[in-house]
């Protein structure tokens, strides 16, 4: 059983590496998203306006816009979620759409839409300040990649230390009369630990996506709470 699991992991790694393109999507599995039923929320339509991109206001984000996915920092090789690899759609649009999808599947509101505030009971605006992932490049995975399937088997479980940061600033919730019912000055989360690694720095994009799911789960709960409080 263990051998079969390792073989499956190795084949998965090889498939990912062979199919990777320059374009990466901000997308995570929506399976097992918990649903809730709440009378105060179930009849409401919520609109999410596309986030405003303020990442360049933060000097720490500069490396994302000026480098490829593999860089050298203080003499050490790192993997980053480089902006150059998000080419299909702007990051803010992808992030907004992913939040809309997550909220619809959570099913707490009647419907969640994007950029359609005139149809909504409440709408949300926010500034994106951080969407940042960095982890240590795996030389072990790089060596293993030279040996095809055998190498992939040997390195399928490799992890390296990293940090992922998400931050939304000036999150405003408006009612249908365009009145602000709540402002969240900053909603920031940092995730540090050992993350899955590969030989070509593609894993950092998947690691960022996985943690985004956690971040959005917290953000959605906060939004639900604030909207319910506004109805009291």
Protein backbone atom coordinates (compact mmCIF):
# COMPACT_ATOMS: atom_id res chain seq x y z
CA UNK A 1 0.00 0.00 0.00
CA UNK A 2 2.82 2.40 0.88
CA UNK A 3 4.57 1.67 -2.42
CA UNK A 4 1.36 2.25 -4.34
CA UNK A 5 0.83 5.59 -2.55
CA UNK A 6 4.38 6.70 -3.36
CA UNK A 7 3.94 5.67 -6.99
CA UNK A 8 0.72 7.64 -7.26
CA UNK A 9 2.40 10.69 -5.69
CA UNK A 10 5.33 10.42 -8.07
CA UNK A 11 3.09 10.14 -11.12
CA UNK A 12 1.10 13.12 -9.92
CA UNK A 13 4.28 15.16 -9.56
CA UNK A 14 5.45 14.19 -13.03
CA UNK A 15 2.07 15.03 -14.52
CA UNK A 16 2.07 18.46 -12.88
CA UNK A 17 5.61 19.20 -14.01
CA UNK A 18 5.00 18.10 -17.56
CA UNK A 19 1.77 20.06 -17.91
CA UNK A 20 2.85 23.31 -16.28
CA UNK A 21 2.67 26.43 -18.38
CA UNK A 22 3.62 30.03 -17.83
CA UNK A 23 0.02 30.78 -16.85
CA UNK A 24 -1.04 29.88 -13.34
CA UNK A 25 -4.60 30.12 -12.05
CA UNK A 26 -5.76 31.28 -8.65
CA UNK A 27 -7.93 28.28 -7.98
CA UNK A 28 -8.40 25.77 -5.19
CA UNK A 29 -10.58 22.75 -4.56
CA UNK A 30 -14.05 23.68 -3.37
CA UNK A 31 -14.82 20.21 -2.10
CA UNK A 32 -15.81 19.93 1.56
CA UNK A 33 -16.60 23.62 2.00
CA UNK A 34 -18.94 23.68 5.00
CA UNK A 35 -22.39 25.13 4.36
CA UNK A 36 -24.55 27.02 6.82
CA UNK A 37 -28.20 27.96 7.02
CA UNK A 38 -29.11 31.28 8.61
CA UNK A 39 -32.46 33.02 8.22
CA UNK A 40 -30.84 36.45 8.43
CA UNK A 41 -28.59 35.72 5.47
CA UNK A 42 -30.42 33.23 3.29
CA UNK A 43 -32.56 35.79 1.42
CA UNK A 44 -29.73 38.25 0.71
CA UNK A 45 -27.84 38.90 -2.50
CA UNK A 46 -24.23 39.99 -1.97
CA UNK A 47 -21.99 41.68 -4.53
CA UNK A 48 -18.19 41.63 -4.45
CA UNK A 49 -16.61 44.44 -6.43
CA UNK A 50 -13.29 43.58 -8.03
CA UNK A 51 -10.53 44.32 -5.56
CA UNK A 52 -8.32 47.36 -6.10
CA UNK A 53 -4.67 46.39 -6.46
CA UNK A 54 -2.41 48.18 -3.97
CA UNK A 55 0.34 45.59 -3.77
CA UNK A 56 2.90 47.92 -5.34
CA UNK A 57 2.42 50.31 -2.43
CA UNK A 58 4.26 47.74 -0.31
CA UNK A 59 8.01 47.65 -1.17
CA UNK A 60 8.25 44.01 -0.02
CA UNK A 61 6.12 43.01 -3.00
CA UNK A 62 8.54 44.40 -5.56
CA UNK A 63 10.26 41.03 -6.09
CA UNK A 64 6.96 39.57 -7.29
CA UNK A 65 6.75 42.06 -10.15
CA UNK A 66 10.41 42.15 -11.21
CA UNK A 67 11.51 38.51 -11.04
CA UNK A 68 10.71 35.06 -12.33
CA UNK A 69 9.43 32.33 -10.04
CA UNK A 70 12.95 31.24 -8.97
CA UNK A 71 15.19 33.89 -7.46
CA UNK A 72 18.26 34.26 -5.27
CA UNK A 73 17.85 36.06 -1.94
CA UNK A 74 20.92 36.57 0.24
CA UNK A 75 22.67 33.81 -1.68
CA UNK A 76 19.84 31.31 -1.24
CA UNK A 77 17.51 30.06 -3.96
CA UNK A 78 13.84 30.80 -3.35
CA UNK A 79 10.56 30.13 -5.11
CA UNK A 80 7.99 32.95 -5.34
CA UNK A 81 4.53 33.33 -6.86
CA UNK A 82 5.85 35.70 -9.52
CA UNK A 83 3.38 38.05 -11.19
CA UNK A 84 4.81 36.98 -14.55
CA UNK A 85 3.07 33.65 -14.18
CA UNK A 86 -0.42 35.10 -13.69
CA UNK A 87 -1.09 36.08 -17.28
CA UNK A 88 -4.56 34.82 -18.16
CA UNK A 89 -6.42 37.34 -15.99
CA UNK A 90 -5.40 40.06 -13.54
CA UNK A 91 -4.71 38.77 -10.04
CA UNK A 92 -7.41 40.97 -8.53
CA UNK A 93 -10.06 39.60 -10.88
CA UNK A 94 -9.09 36.00 -10.20
CA UNK A 95 -9.05 36.60 -6.44
CA UNK A 96 -12.45 38.27 -6.51
CA UNK A 97 -13.99 35.49 -8.61
CA UNK A 98 -12.56 32.83 -6.29
CA UNK A 99 -14.13 34.56 -3.29
CA UNK A 100 -17.48 34.72 -5.10
CA UNK A 101 -17.28 31.02 -5.95
CA UNK A 102 -16.39 30.07 -2.38
CA UNK A 103 -19.23 32.13 -0.91
CA UNK A 104 -21.79 30.67 -3.31
CA UNK A 105 -20.77 27.14 -2.40
CA UNK A 106 -20.94 27.96 1.29
CA UNK A 107 -24.60 28.75 0.61
CA UNK A 108 -25.13 31.15 3.52
CA UNK A 109 -26.47 33.85 1.19
CA UNK A 110 -29.13 33.51 -1.48
CA UNK A 111 -26.61 34.50 -4.16
CA UNK A 112 -23.19 36.12 -4.44
CA UNK A 113 -22.34 38.08 -7.61
CA UNK A 114 -19.37 40.04 -8.91
CA UNK A 115 -19.35 43.67 -10.09
CA UNK A 116 -23.14 43.91 -10.03
CA UNK A 117 -23.89 45.96 -6.93
CA UNK A 118 -27.17 47.39 -8.26
CA UNK A 119 -28.76 43.95 -7.91
CA UNK A 120 -27.50 43.33 -4.37
CA UNK A 121 -28.68 43.95 -0.81
CA UNK A 122 -25.08 44.51 0.26
CA UNK A 123 -21.84 45.01 -1.63
CA UNK A 124 -18.19 44.82 -0.64
CA UNK A 125 -15.11 46.74 -1.73
CA UNK A 126 -11.54 46.04 -0.66
CA UNK A 127 -7.94 46.90 -1.42
CA UNK A 128 -5.48 44.06 -2.06
CA UNK A 129 -2.20 44.78 -0.27
CA UNK A 130 -0.52 41.37 -0.05
CA UNK A 131 -0.76 38.18 -2.09
CA UNK A 132 2.68 36.80 -1.45
CA UNK A 133 4.30 33.38 -1.31
CA UNK A 134 7.97 32.48 -0.86
CA UNK A 135 9.66 29.21 0.02
CA UNK A 136 13.12 27.69 -0.12
CA UNK A 137 14.03 26.03 -3.40
CA UNK A 138 14.44 22.24 -3.06
CA UNK A 139 17.79 21.09 -4.39
CA UNK A 140 16.79 17.56 -3.44
CA UNK A 141 13.74 17.69 -5.72
CA UNK A 142 15.86 19.23 -8.46
CA UNK A 143 18.34 16.35 -8.30
CA UNK A 144 15.50 13.82 -8.20
CA UNK A 145 13.93 15.31 -11.31
CA UNK A 146 16.98 14.28 -13.30
CA UNK A 147 16.09 10.62 -12.75
CA UNK A 148 12.52 10.63 -14.03
CA UNK A 149 10.01 8.43 -12.23
CA UNK A 150 12.59 6.92 -9.90
CA UNK A 151 13.72 10.37 -8.85
CA UNK A 152 10.13 11.53 -8.44
CA UNK A 153 9.43 8.55 -6.17
CA UNK A 154 12.39 9.44 -4.02
CA UNK A 155 11.42 13.09 -3.66
CA UNK A 156 7.59 13.03 -3.81
CA UNK A 157 7.22 14.08 -0.17
CA UNK A 158 9.84 16.80 -0.10
CA UNK A 159 8.93 20.00 1.75
CA UNK A 160 10.77 23.26 2.32
CA UNK A 161 10.18 26.16 4.74
CA UNK A 162 8.22 29.14 3.51
CA UNK A 163 5.87 31.99 4.26
CA UNK A 164 2.58 33.00 2.63
CA UNK A 165 0.93 36.37 3.30
CA UNK A 166 -2.54 37.63 2.40
CA UNK A 167 -3.83 41.07 3.30
CA UNK A 168 -6.93 43.02 2.37
CA UNK A 169 -7.10 46.64 3.52
CA UNK A 170 -10.02 49.00 3.81
CA UNK A 171 -12.62 46.24 3.48
CA UNK A 172 -15.92 48.11 3.32
CA UNK A 173 -19.38 46.57 3.48
CA UNK A 174 -22.14 48.76 1.99
CA UNK A 175 -25.89 48.40 2.15
CA UNK A 176 -28.09 48.94 -0.90
CA UNK A 177 -28.38 52.64 -0.01
CA UNK A 178 -24.60 52.96 -0.48
CA UNK A 179 -24.03 53.47 3.23
CA UNK A 180 -20.98 51.87 4.83
CA UNK A 181 -22.11 49.53 7.59
CA UNK A 182 -18.65 48.25 8.47
CA UNK A 183 -15.02 49.01 7.65
CA UNK A 184 -12.29 46.48 8.36
CA UNK A 185 -9.05 48.45 8.24
CA UNK A 186 -6.87 45.39 7.67
CA UNK A 187 -7.56 41.69 7.32
CA UNK A 188 -4.13 40.07 7.27
CA UNK A 189 -2.97 36.50 7.80
CA UNK A 190 0.53 34.99 7.61
CA UNK A 191 1.16 31.26 7.21
CA UNK A 192 4.60 29.88 7.98
CA UNK A 193 5.75 26.27 7.85
CA UNK A 194 7.03 23.52 5.60
CA UNK A 195 5.28 23.39 2.23
CA UNK A 196 5.38 20.81 -0.60
CA UNK A 197 8.24 21.51 -3.00
CA UNK A 198 9.21 20.52 -6.52
CA UNK A 199 12.14 20.92 -8.88
CA UNK A 200 10.85 23.89 -10.85
CA UNK A 201 9.15 26.23 -8.32
CA UNK A 202 5.63 25.48 -9.53
CA UNK A 203 4.53 24.22 -6.12
CA UNK A 204 4.60 27.68 -4.59
CA UNK A 205 1.58 28.63 -6.69
CA UNK A 206 -0.36 25.61 -5.46
CA UNK A 207 0.71 26.24 -1.86
CA UNK A 208 -0.52 29.83 -2.09
CA UNK A 209 -3.84 28.61 -3.49
CA UNK A 210 -4.26 26.08 -0.69
CA UNK A 211 -3.70 28.71 2.01
CA UNK A 212 -5.97 31.15 0.23
CA UNK A 213 -8.80 28.75 0.94
CA UNK A 214 -8.07 29.04 4.68
CA UNK A 215 -7.82 32.82 4.44
CA UNK A 216 -11.08 33.17 2.57
CA UNK A 217 -12.84 30.85 5.01
CA UNK A 218 -11.99 33.28 7.82
CA UNK A 219 -12.83 36.35 5.77
CA UNK A 220 -16.23 34.98 4.77
CA UNK A 221 -17.12 34.20 8.38
CA UNK A 222 -16.21 37.77 9.31
CA UNK A 223 -18.36 39.18 6.50
CA UNK A 224 -21.32 37.03 7.52
CA UNK A 225 -21.02 38.15 11.14
CA UNK A 226 -20.84 41.85 10.26
CA UNK A 227 -23.86 41.68 7.96
CA UNK A 228 -25.89 39.85 10.60
CA UNK A 229 -24.89 42.42 13.22
CA UNK A 230 -26.06 45.21 10.94
CA UNK A 231 -29.55 43.72 10.91
CA UNK A 232 -29.98 43.77 14.70
